[in-house]
């Protein structure tokens, strides 16, 4: 389950970052999509580390 969440976070983050550069949105929408995409990728990388997995297990 956690593996698929990590993969989906990486893919959706990459899509949002791509859209922030390739779209015709306003500057604010481009910034928001870039930041959200970056946070999704950073969260997926954090979940892949042992400390991140331990953190999630403590919450659950």
C-alpha atoms as a PDB file:
ATOM      1  CA  UNK A   1       0.000   0.000   0.000  1.00  0.00           C
ATOM      2  CA  UNK A   2       2.698   2.474   0.962  1.00  0.00           C
ATOM      3  CA  UNK A   3       4.672   1.663  -2.170  1.00  0.00           C
ATOM      4  CA  UNK A   4       1.743   2.597  -4.407  1.00  0.00           C
ATOM      5  CA  UNK A   5       1.121   5.800  -2.472  1.00  0.00           C
ATOM      6  CA  UNK A   6       4.767   6.734  -3.007  1.00  0.00           C
ATOM      7  CA  UNK A   7       4.572   5.963  -6.740  1.00  0.00           C
ATOM      8  CA  UNK A   8       1.329   7.946  -7.151  1.00  0.00           C
ATOM      9  CA  UNK A   9       2.845  10.883  -5.267  1.00  0.00           C
ATOM     10  CA  UNK A  10       5.916  10.898  -7.496  1.00  0.00           C
ATOM     11  CA  UNK A  11       3.871  10.684 -10.698  1.00  0.00           C
ATOM     12  CA  UNK A  12       1.311  13.302  -9.706  1.00  0.00           C
ATOM     13  CA  UNK A  13       4.060  15.618  -8.464  1.00  0.00           C
ATOM     14  CA  UNK A  14       5.906  15.272 -11.746  1.00  0.00           C
ATOM     15  CA  UNK A  15       2.728  15.975 -13.704  1.00  0.00           C
ATOM     16  CA  UNK A  16       1.997  19.089 -11.643  1.00  0.00           C
ATOM     17  CA  UNK A  17       5.534  20.396 -12.089  1.00  0.00           C
ATOM     18  CA  UNK A  18       5.311  19.745 -15.834  1.00  0.00           C
ATOM     19  CA  UNK A  19       1.970  21.575 -16.010  1.00  0.00           C
ATOM     20  CA  UNK A  20       3.413  24.515 -14.114  1.00  0.00           C
ATOM     21  CA  UNK A  21       5.899  25.032 -16.958  1.00  0.00           C
ATOM     22  CA  UNK A  22       3.862  23.942 -19.975  1.00  0.00           C
ATOM     23  CA  UNK A  23       0.431  25.406 -19.254  1.00  0.00           C
ATOM     24  CA  UNK A  24      -1.220  28.708 -20.013  1.00  0.00           C
ATOM     25  CA  UNK A  25      -2.361  29.254 -16.421  1.00  0.00           C
ATOM     26  CA  UNK A  26      -1.857  32.497 -14.570  1.00  0.00           C
ATOM     27  CA  UNK A  27       1.394  33.056 -12.704  1.00  0.00           C
ATOM     28  CA  UNK A  28      -0.242  32.315  -9.357  1.00  0.00           C
ATOM     29  CA  UNK A  29      -1.702  29.022 -10.608  1.00  0.00           C
ATOM     30  CA  UNK A  30       1.698  28.057 -12.050  1.00  0.00           C
ATOM     31  CA  UNK A  31       3.396  28.778  -8.724  1.00  0.00           C
ATOM     32  CA  UNK A  32       0.793  26.840  -6.753  1.00  0.00           C
ATOM     33  CA  UNK A  33       1.022  23.793  -9.023  1.00  0.00           C
ATOM     34  CA  UNK A  34       4.824  23.868  -8.845  1.00  0.00           C
ATOM     35  CA  UNK A  35       4.839  24.075  -5.046  1.00  0.00           C
ATOM     36  CA  UNK A  36       2.239  21.320  -4.642  1.00  0.00           C
ATOM     37  CA  UNK A  37       4.127  19.096  -7.095  1.00  0.00           C
ATOM     38  CA  UNK A  38       7.385  19.708  -5.277  1.00  0.00           C
ATOM     39  CA  UNK A  39       5.767  18.901  -1.919  1.00  0.00           C
ATOM     40  CA  UNK A  40       4.297  15.673  -3.310  1.00  0.00           C
ATOM     41  CA  UNK A  41       7.699  14.549  -4.575  1.00  0.00           C
ATOM     42  CA  UNK A  42       9.417  15.568  -1.336  1.00  0.00           C
ATOM     43  CA  UNK A  43       6.777  13.679   0.672  1.00  0.00           C
ATOM     44  CA  UNK A  44       7.264  10.556  -1.439  1.00  0.00           C
ATOM     45  CA  UNK A  45      11.027  10.724  -0.937  1.00  0.00           C
ATOM     46  CA  UNK A  46      10.514  11.241   2.805  1.00  0.00           C
ATOM     47  CA  UNK A  47       8.276   8.164   2.937  1.00  0.00           C
ATOM     48  CA  UNK A  48      10.984   6.135   1.207  1.00  0.00           C
ATOM     49  CA  UNK A  49      13.514   6.859   3.958  1.00  0.00           C
ATOM     50  CA  UNK A  50      13.565   4.705   7.102  1.00  0.00           C
ATOM     51  CA  UNK A  51      12.896   7.700   9.358  1.00  0.00           C
ATOM     52  CA  UNK A  52       9.892   8.680   7.256  1.00  0.00           C
ATOM     53  CA  UNK A  53       8.473   5.169   7.407  1.00  0.00           C
ATOM     54  CA  UNK A  54       8.980   5.121  11.185  1.00  0.00           C
ATOM     55  CA  UNK A  55       7.234   8.495  11.454  1.00  0.00           C
ATOM     56  CA  UNK A  56       4.207   7.216   9.550  1.00  0.00           C
ATOM     57  CA  UNK A  57       4.050   4.055  11.633  1.00  0.00           C
ATOM     58  CA  UNK A  58       4.098   6.124  14.840  1.00  0.00           C
ATOM     59  CA  UNK A  59       1.148   8.187  13.578  1.00  0.00           C
ATOM     60  CA  UNK A  60      -0.843   5.065  12.736  1.00  0.00           C
END
